[in-house]
All heavy atoms as atom14 arrays in JSON, in Angstrom:
{
  "sequence": "LPFTGNIGDLVEPATASAVFYPVLLDEFGNTAVAH",
  "atom14_mask": [
    [1, 1, 1, 1, 1, 1, 1, 1, 0, 0, 0, 0, 0, 0],
    [1, 1, 1, 1, 1, 1, 1, 0, 0, 0, 0, 0, 0, 0],
    [1, 1, 1, 1, 1, 1, 1, 1, 1, 1, 1, 0, 0, 0],
    [1, 1, 1, 1, 1, 1, 1, 0, 0, 0, 0, 0, 0, 0],
    [1, 1, 1, 1, 0, 0, 0, 0, 0, 0, 0, 0, 0, 0],
    [1, 1, 1, 1, 1, 1, 1, 1, 0, 0, 0, 0, 0, 0],
    [1, 1, 1, 1, 1, 1, 1, 1, 0, 0, 0, 0, 0, 0],
    [1, 1, 1, 1, 0, 0, 0, 0, 0, 0, 0, 0, 0, 0],
    [1, 1, 1, 1, 1, 1, 1, 1, 0, 0, 0, 0, 0, 0],
    [1, 1, 1, 1, 1, 1, 1, 1, 0, 0, 0, 0, 0, 0],
    [1, 1, 1, 1, 1, 1, 1, 0, 0, 0, 0, 0, 0, 0],
    [1, 1, 1, 1, 1, 1, 1, 1, 1, 0, 0, 0, 0, 0],
    [1, 1, 1, 1, 1, 1, 1, 0, 0, 0, 0, 0, 0, 0],
    [1, 1, 1, 1, 1, 0, 0, 0, 0, 0, 0, 0, 0, 0],
    [1, 1, 1, 1, 1, 1, 1, 0, 0, 0, 0, 0, 0, 0],
    [1, 1, 1, 1, 1, 0, 0, 0, 0, 0, 0, 0, 0, 0],
    [1, 1, 1, 1, 1, 1, 0, 0, 0, 0, 0, 0, 0, 0],
    [1, 1, 1, 1, 1, 0, 0, 0, 0, 0, 0, 0, 0, 0],
    [1, 1, 1, 1, 1, 1, 1, 0, 0, 0, 0, 0, 0, 0],
    [1, 1, 1, 1, 1, 1, 1, 1, 1, 1, 1, 0, 0, 0],
    [1, 1, 1, 1, 1, 1, 1, 1, 1, 1, 1, 1, 0, 0],
    [1, 1, 1, 1, 1, 1, 1, 0, 0, 0, 0, 0, 0, 0],
    [1, 1, 1, 1, 1, 1, 1, 0, 0, 0, 0, 0, 0, 0],
    [1, 1, 1, 1, 1, 1, 1, 1, 0, 0, 0, 0, 0, 0],
    [1, 1, 1, 1, 1, 1, 1, 1, 0, 0, 0, 0, 0, 0],
    [1, 1, 1, 1, 1, 1, 1, 1, 0, 0, 0, 0, 0, 0],
    [1, 1, 1, 1, 1, 1, 1, 1, 1, 0, 0, 0, 0, 0],
    [1, 1, 1, 1, 1, 1, 1, 1, 1, 1, 1, 0, 0, 0],
    [1, 1, 1, 1, 0, 0, 0, 0, 0, 0, 0, 0, 0, 0],
    [1, 1, 1, 1, 1, 1, 1, 1, 0, 0, 0, 0, 0, 0],
    [1, 1, 1, 1, 1, 1, 1, 0, 0, 0, 0, 0, 0, 0],
    [1, 1, 1, 1, 1, 0, 0, 0, 0, 0, 0, 0, 0, 0],
    [1, 1, 1, 1, 1, 1, 1, 0, 0, 0, 0, 0, 0, 0],
    [1, 1, 1, 1, 1, 0, 0, 0, 0, 0, 0, 0, 0, 0],
    [1, 1, 1, 1, 1, 1, 1, 1, 1, 1, 0, 0, 0, 0]
  ],
  "atom14_positions": [
    [[0.84, -1.22, 0.04], [0.04, -0.04, -0.01], [0.93, 1.25, -0.03], [1.95, 1.16, 0.7], [-0.96, 0.06, 1.21], [-2.06, -1.0, 1.15], [-2.88, -0.95, 2.55], [-2.96, -0.79, -0.04], [0.0, 0.0, 0.0], [0.0, 0.0, 0.0], [0.0, 0.0, 0.0], [0.0, 0.0, 0.0], [0.0, 0.0, 0.0], [0.0, 0.0, 0.0]],
    [[0.42, 2.27, -0.69], [1.34, 3.53, -0.87], [1.46, 4.27, 0.49], [0.42, 4.55, 1.07], [0.69, 4.24, -1.9], [-0.8, 3.92, -1.77], [-0.93, 2.38, -1.35], [0.0, 0.0, 0.0], [0.0, 0.0, 0.0], [0.0, 0.0, 0.0], [0.0, 0.0, 0.0], [0.0, 0.0, 0.0], [0.0, 0.0, 0.0], [0.0, 0.0, 0.0]],
    [[2.62, 4.61, 0.76], [2.89, 5.46, 1.93], [2.83, 7.01, 1.31], [2.03, 7.87, 1.86], [4.24, 5.36, 2.47], [4.68, 6.24, 3.53], [3.96, 6.47, 4.7], [5.85, 7.2, 3.33], [4.33, 7.33, 5.64], [6.25, 8.02, 4.32], [5.39, 8.16, 5.52], [0.0, 0.0, 0.0], [0.0, 0.0, 0.0], [0.0, 0.0, 0.0]],
    [[3.68, 7.35, 0.4], [3.62, 8.69, -0.21], [4.19, 8.66, -1.66], [4.82, 7.66, -1.98], [4.4, 9.63, 0.62], [4.1, 10.94, 0.11], [5.88, 9.35, 0.53], [0.0, 0.0, 0.0], [0.0, 0.0, 0.0], [0.0, 0.0, 0.0], [0.0, 0.0, 0.0], [0.0, 0.0, 0.0], [0.0, 0.0, 0.0], [0.0, 0.0, 0.0]],
    [[4.04, 9.72, -2.43], [4.65, 9.78, -3.73], [6.05, 10.3, -3.58], [6.76, 9.78, -2.76], [0.0, 0.0, 0.0], [0.0, 0.0, 0.0], [0.0, 0.0, 0.0], [0.0, 0.0, 0.0], [0.0, 0.0, 0.0], [0.0, 0.0, 0.0], [0.0, 0.0, 0.0], [0.0, 0.0, 0.0], [0.0, 0.0, 0.0], [0.0, 0.0, 0.0]],
    [[6.51, 11.17, -4.42], [7.93, 11.59, -4.41], [8.14, 12.45, -3.21], [7.17, 12.91, -2.44], [8.31, 12.33, -5.72], [7.46, 13.58, -5.94], [7.2, 14.38, -4.96], [7.09, 13.75, -7.25], [0.0, 0.0, 0.0], [0.0, 0.0, 0.0], [0.0, 0.0, 0.0], [0.0, 0.0, 0.0], [0.0, 0.0, 0.0], [0.0, 0.0, 0.0]],
    [[9.31, 12.84, -3.03], [9.76, 13.56, -1.77], [8.94, 15.02, -1.62], [8.61, 15.3, -0.53], [11.31, 13.82, -1.64], [11.69, 14.3, -0.44], [11.8, 14.54, -2.88], [11.53, 13.54, 0.8], [0.0, 0.0, 0.0], [0.0, 0.0, 0.0], [0.0, 0.0, 0.0], [0.0, 0.0, 0.0], [0.0, 0.0, 0.0], [0.0, 0.0, 0.0]],
    [[8.72, 15.55, -2.78], [8.03, 16.76, -2.71], [6.59, 16.6, -2.24], [6.05, 17.38, -1.43], [0.0, 0.0, 0.0], [0.0, 0.0, 0.0], [0.0, 0.0, 0.0], [0.0, 0.0, 0.0], [0.0, 0.0, 0.0], [0.0, 0.0, 0.0], [0.0, 0.0, 0.0], [0.0, 0.0, 0.0], [0.0, 0.0, 0.0], [0.0, 0.0, 0.0]],
    [[5.89, 15.49, -2.5], [4.63, 15.27, -1.91], [4.78, 15.14, -0.39], [3.76, 15.42, 0.3], [4.0, 13.98, -2.56], [3.7, 14.1, -4.03], [3.5, 15.15, -4.5], [3.79, 12.96, -4.68], [0.0, 0.0, 0.0], [0.0, 0.0, 0.0], [0.0, 0.0, 0.0], [0.0, 0.0, 0.0], [0.0, 0.0, 0.0], [0.0, 0.0, 0.0]],
    [[5.82, 14.53, 0.03], [5.97, 14.09, 1.46], [6.19, 15.43, 2.26], [5.65, 15.47, 3.35], [6.97, 13.16, 1.58], [7.21, 12.6, 3.03], [6.04, 11.91, 3.53], [8.45, 11.66, 3.05], [0.0, 0.0, 0.0], [0.0, 0.0, 0.0], [0.0, 0.0, 0.0], [0.0, 0.0, 0.0], [0.0, 0.0, 0.0], [0.0, 0.0, 0.0]],
    [[6.98, 16.29, 1.83], [7.43, 17.37, 2.67], [6.91, 18.73, 2.36], [6.96, 19.66, 3.15], [8.95, 17.48, 2.58], [9.62, 16.2, 2.96], [9.57, 17.99, 1.22], [0.0, 0.0, 0.0], [0.0, 0.0, 0.0], [0.0, 0.0, 0.0], [0.0, 0.0, 0.0], [0.0, 0.0, 0.0], [0.0, 0.0, 0.0], [0.0, 0.0, 0.0]],
    [[6.28, 18.98, 1.16], [5.73, 20.25, 0.75], [4.7, 20.69, 1.67], [3.63, 20.03, 1.74], [5.31, 20.18, -0.77], [4.74, 21.52, -1.24], [5.68, 22.72, -1.1], [6.81, 22.55, -1.44], [5.13, 23.72, -0.76], [0.0, 0.0, 0.0], [0.0, 0.0, 0.0], [0.0, 0.0, 0.0], [0.0, 0.0, 0.0], [0.0, 0.0, 0.0]],
    [[4.69, 21.78, 2.44], [3.53, 22.17, 3.26], [2.3, 22.52, 2.6], [1.23, 22.21, 3.2], [4.09, 23.56, 3.8], [5.62, 23.43, 3.71], [5.79, 22.7, 2.47], [0.0, 0.0, 0.0], [0.0, 0.0, 0.0], [0.0, 0.0, 0.0], [0.0, 0.0, 0.0], [0.0, 0.0, 0.0], [0.0, 0.0, 0.0], [0.0, 0.0, 0.0]],
    [[2.3, 22.79, 1.35], [1.0, 22.98, 0.72], [0.18, 21.82, 0.63], [-1.09, 21.79, 0.42], [1.28, 23.64, -0.69], [0.0, 0.0, 0.0], [0.0, 0.0, 0.0], [0.0, 0.0, 0.0], [0.0, 0.0, 0.0], [0.0, 0.0, 0.0], [0.0, 0.0, 0.0], [0.0, 0.0, 0.0], [0.0, 0.0, 0.0], [0.0, 0.0, 0.0]],
    [[0.84, 20.64, 0.67], [0.12, 19.39, 0.5], [-0.21, 18.72, 1.83], [-0.8, 17.7, 1.97], [0.86, 18.32, -0.35], [2.08, 18.01, 0.32], [1.21, 18.87, -1.75], [0.0, 0.0, 0.0], [0.0, 0.0, 0.0], [0.0, 0.0, 0.0], [0.0, 0.0, 0.0], [0.0, 0.0, 0.0], [0.0, 0.0, 0.0], [0.0, 0.0, 0.0]],
    [[0.34, 19.43, 2.95], [0.11, 18.98, 4.3], [0.74, 17.66, 4.45], [0.19, 16.67, 5.15], [-1.36, 19.01, 4.66], [0.0, 0.0, 0.0], [0.0, 0.0, 0.0], [0.0, 0.0, 0.0], [0.0, 0.0, 0.0], [0.0, 0.0, 0.0], [0.0, 0.0, 0.0], [0.0, 0.0, 0.0], [0.0, 0.0, 0.0], [0.0, 0.0, 0.0]],
    [[1.82, 17.23, 3.76], [2.44, 15.98, 3.79], [1.52, 14.93, 3.38], [0.82, 14.36, 4.1], [3.07, 15.68, 5.3], [4.04, 16.61, 5.61], [0.0, 0.0, 0.0], [0.0, 0.0, 0.0], [0.0, 0.0, 0.0], [0.0, 0.0, 0.0], [0.0, 0.0, 0.0], [0.0, 0.0, 0.0], [0.0, 0.0, 0.0], [0.0, 0.0, 0.0]],
    [[1.57, 14.6, 2.03], [0.68, 13.77, 1.41], [0.91, 12.27, 1.75], [1.74, 11.57, 0.91], [0.47, 13.98, -0.07], [0.0, 0.0, 0.0], [0.0, 0.0, 0.0], [0.0, 0.0, 0.0], [0.0, 0.0, 0.0], [0.0, 0.0, 0.0], [0.0, 0.0, 0.0], [0.0, 0.0, 0.0], [0.0, 0.0, 0.0], [0.0, 0.0, 0.0]],
    [[0.5, 11.8, 2.88], [0.62, 10.4, 3.26], [-0.63, 9.63, 2.96], [-1.67, 10.01, 3.57], [1.13, 10.27, 4.7], [1.04, 8.77, 5.14], [2.43, 10.94, 4.96], [0.0, 0.0, 0.0], [0.0, 0.0, 0.0], [0.0, 0.0, 0.0], [0.0, 0.0, 0.0], [0.0, 0.0, 0.0], [0.0, 0.0, 0.0], [0.0, 0.0, 0.0]],
    [[-0.63, 8.62, 2.04], [-1.82, 7.95, 1.69], [-2.25, 6.95, 2.92], [-3.45, 6.94, 3.27], [-1.71, 7.18, 0.43], [-1.36, 8.06, -0.78], [-0.11, 8.11, -1.27], [-2.46, 8.83, -1.2], [0.08, 8.92, -2.39], [-2.17, 9.69, -2.31], [-0.89, 9.64, -2.97], [0.0, 0.0, 0.0], [0.0, 0.0, 0.0], [0.0, 0.0, 0.0]],
    [[-1.31, 6.14, 3.39], [-1.55, 5.24, 4.39], [-0.46, 5.46, 5.61], [0.66, 5.63, 5.04], [-1.5, 3.74, 3.96], [-2.75, 3.4, 3.08], [-2.73, 3.56, 1.67], [-3.79, 2.68, 3.73], [-3.86, 3.2, 1.0], [-4.89, 2.36, 2.97], [-4.83, 2.55, 1.59], [-5.98, 2.2, 0.78], [0.0, 0.0, 0.0], [0.0, 0.0, 0.0]],
    [[-0.72, 5.41, 6.79], [0.49, 5.53, 7.76], [1.44, 4.4, 7.52], [0.91, 3.17, 7.11], [-0.36, 5.47, 9.12], [-1.7, 4.85, 8.82], [-1.95, 5.27, 7.39], [0.0, 0.0, 0.0], [0.0, 0.0, 0.0], [0.0, 0.0, 0.0], [0.0, 0.0, 0.0], [0.0, 0.0, 0.0], [0.0, 0.0, 0.0], [0.0, 0.0, 0.0]],
    [[2.51, 4.61, 7.89], [3.58, 3.61, 7.54], [3.3, 2.19, 8.24], [3.34, 1.14, 7.76], [4.95, 4.1, 7.87], [5.17, 4.4, 9.29], [6.07, 3.02, 7.57], [0.0, 0.0, 0.0], [0.0, 0.0, 0.0], [0.0, 0.0, 0.0], [0.0, 0.0, 0.0], [0.0, 0.0, 0.0], [0.0, 0.0, 0.0], [0.0, 0.0, 0.0]],
    [[3.0, 2.29, 9.62], [2.39, 1.36, 10.49], [3.03, -0.09, 10.52], [2.84, -0.84, 11.42], [0.95, 1.2, 10.05], [-0.03, 0.62, 11.13], [-0.05, 1.53, 12.34], [-1.37, 0.51, 10.55], [0.0, 0.0, 0.0], [0.0, 0.0, 0.0], [0.0, 0.0, 0.0], [0.0, 0.0, 0.0], [0.0, 0.0, 0.0], [0.0, 0.0, 0.0]],
    [[3.72, -0.54, 9.52], [4.23, -1.83, 9.39], [5.8, -1.88, 9.6], [6.45, -1.02, 9.16], [3.88, -2.52, 8.0], [2.43, -2.61, 7.6], [2.18, -3.29, 6.37], [1.58, -3.35, 8.77], [0.0, 0.0, 0.0], [0.0, 0.0, 0.0], [0.0, 0.0, 0.0], [0.0, 0.0, 0.0], [0.0, 0.0, 0.0], [0.0, 0.0, 0.0]],
    [[6.15, -2.99, 10.23], [7.69, -3.28, 10.43], [8.15, -3.99, 9.19], [7.48, -4.24, 8.19], [7.85, -4.01, 11.68], [7.43, -5.46, 11.67], [7.15, -5.92, 10.66], [7.25, -5.92, 12.82], [0.0, 0.0, 0.0], [0.0, 0.0, 0.0], [0.0, 0.0, 0.0], [0.0, 0.0, 0.0], [0.0, 0.0, 0.0], [0.0, 0.0, 0.0]],
    [[9.49, -4.31, 9.28], [10.15, -4.9, 7.99], [9.51, -6.31, 7.78], [9.75, -6.68, 6.6], [11.74, -5.1, 8.35], [12.09, -5.96, 9.51], [12.18, -5.32, 10.88], [11.43, -4.36, 10.96], [12.76, -5.92, 11.74], [0.0, 0.0, 0.0], [0.0, 0.0, 0.0], [0.0, 0.0, 0.0], [0.0, 0.0, 0.0], [0.0, 0.0, 0.0]],
    [[8.84, -6.95, 8.64], [8.29, -8.28, 8.48], [6.82, -8.11, 7.9], [6.13, -9.11, 7.57], [8.28, -9.14, 9.57], [9.76, -9.42, 10.09], [10.23, -8.78, 11.24], [10.52, -10.31, 9.36], [11.48, -8.98, 11.72], [11.94, -10.44, 9.84], [12.32, -9.83, 11.02], [0.0, 0.0, 0.0], [0.0, 0.0, 0.0], [0.0, 0.0, 0.0]],
    [[6.3, -6.84, 7.87], [4.91, -6.64, 7.51], [3.93, -6.85, 8.61], [2.72, -6.77, 8.57], [0.0, 0.0, 0.0], [0.0, 0.0, 0.0], [0.0, 0.0, 0.0], [0.0, 0.0, 0.0], [0.0, 0.0, 0.0], [0.0, 0.0, 0.0], [0.0, 0.0, 0.0], [0.0, 0.0, 0.0], [0.0, 0.0, 0.0], [0.0, 0.0, 0.0]],
    [[4.46, -6.82, 9.92], [3.57, -6.94, 11.11], [3.18, -5.52, 11.55], [3.99, -4.58, 11.28], [4.26, -7.56, 12.31], [4.65, -9.07, 11.86], [3.87, -9.73, 11.31], [5.88, -9.47, 12.21], [0.0, 0.0, 0.0], [0.0, 0.0, 0.0], [0.0, 0.0, 0.0], [0.0, 0.0, 0.0], [0.0, 0.0, 0.0], [0.0, 0.0, 0.0]],
    [[2.12, -5.3, 12.16], [1.59, -4.05, 12.64], [2.56, -3.55, 13.78], [2.87, -4.21, 14.66], [0.18, -4.08, 13.07], [-0.68, -4.5, 12.13], [-0.3, -2.74, 13.68], [0.0, 0.0, 0.0], [0.0, 0.0, 0.0], [0.0, 0.0, 0.0], [0.0, 0.0, 0.0], [0.0, 0.0, 0.0], [0.0, 0.0, 0.0], [0.0, 0.0, 0.0]],
    [[3.01, -2.4, 13.64], [3.98, -1.86, 14.48], [3.45, -0.4, 14.88], [3.94, 0.61, 14.22], [5.33, -1.81, 13.92], [0.0, 0.0, 0.0], [0.0, 0.0, 0.0], [0.0, 0.0, 0.0], [0.0, 0.0, 0.0], [0.0, 0.0, 0.0], [0.0, 0.0, 0.0], [0.0, 0.0, 0.0], [0.0, 0.0, 0.0], [0.0, 0.0, 0.0]],
    [[2.58, -0.36, 15.82], [2.13, 1.01, 16.27], [3.28, 1.5, 17.23], [3.3, 1.12, 18.36], [0.86, 0.92, 17.07], [0.36, 2.37, 17.52], [-0.28, 0.39, 16.09], [0.0, 0.0, 0.0], [0.0, 0.0, 0.0], [0.0, 0.0, 0.0], [0.0, 0.0, 0.0], [0.0, 0.0, 0.0], [0.0, 0.0, 0.0], [0.0, 0.0, 0.0]],
    [[4.14, 2.44, 16.78], [5.37, 2.75, 17.47], [5.64, 4.2, 17.28], [5.14, 4.82, 16.35], [6.43, 1.84, 17.07], [0.0, 0.0, 0.0], [0.0, 0.0, 0.0], [0.0, 0.0, 0.0], [0.0, 0.0, 0.0], [0.0, 0.0, 0.0], [0.0, 0.0, 0.0], [0.0, 0.0, 0.0], [0.0, 0.0, 0.0], [0.0, 0.0, 0.0]],
    [[6.38, 4.72, 18.21], [7.11, 6.03, 18.01], [8.51, 5.81, 17.7], [9.17, 4.74, 18.23], [7.01, 6.87, 19.23], [5.57, 7.4, 19.41], [4.71, 6.73, 20.12], [4.95, 8.54, 18.89], [3.51, 7.47, 20.09], [3.74, 8.56, 19.36], [0.0, 0.0, 0.0], [0.0, 0.0, 0.0], [0.0, 0.0, 0.0], [0.0, 0.0, 0.0]]
  ]
}
């Protein structure tokens, strides 16, 4: 599932950081609600 498009989509304030889905998963694909 998409996290974000290019770096401009991610950091440009005008787009409020365009994140489609929260990253949420660890390297194994398990749910990782973490800071």
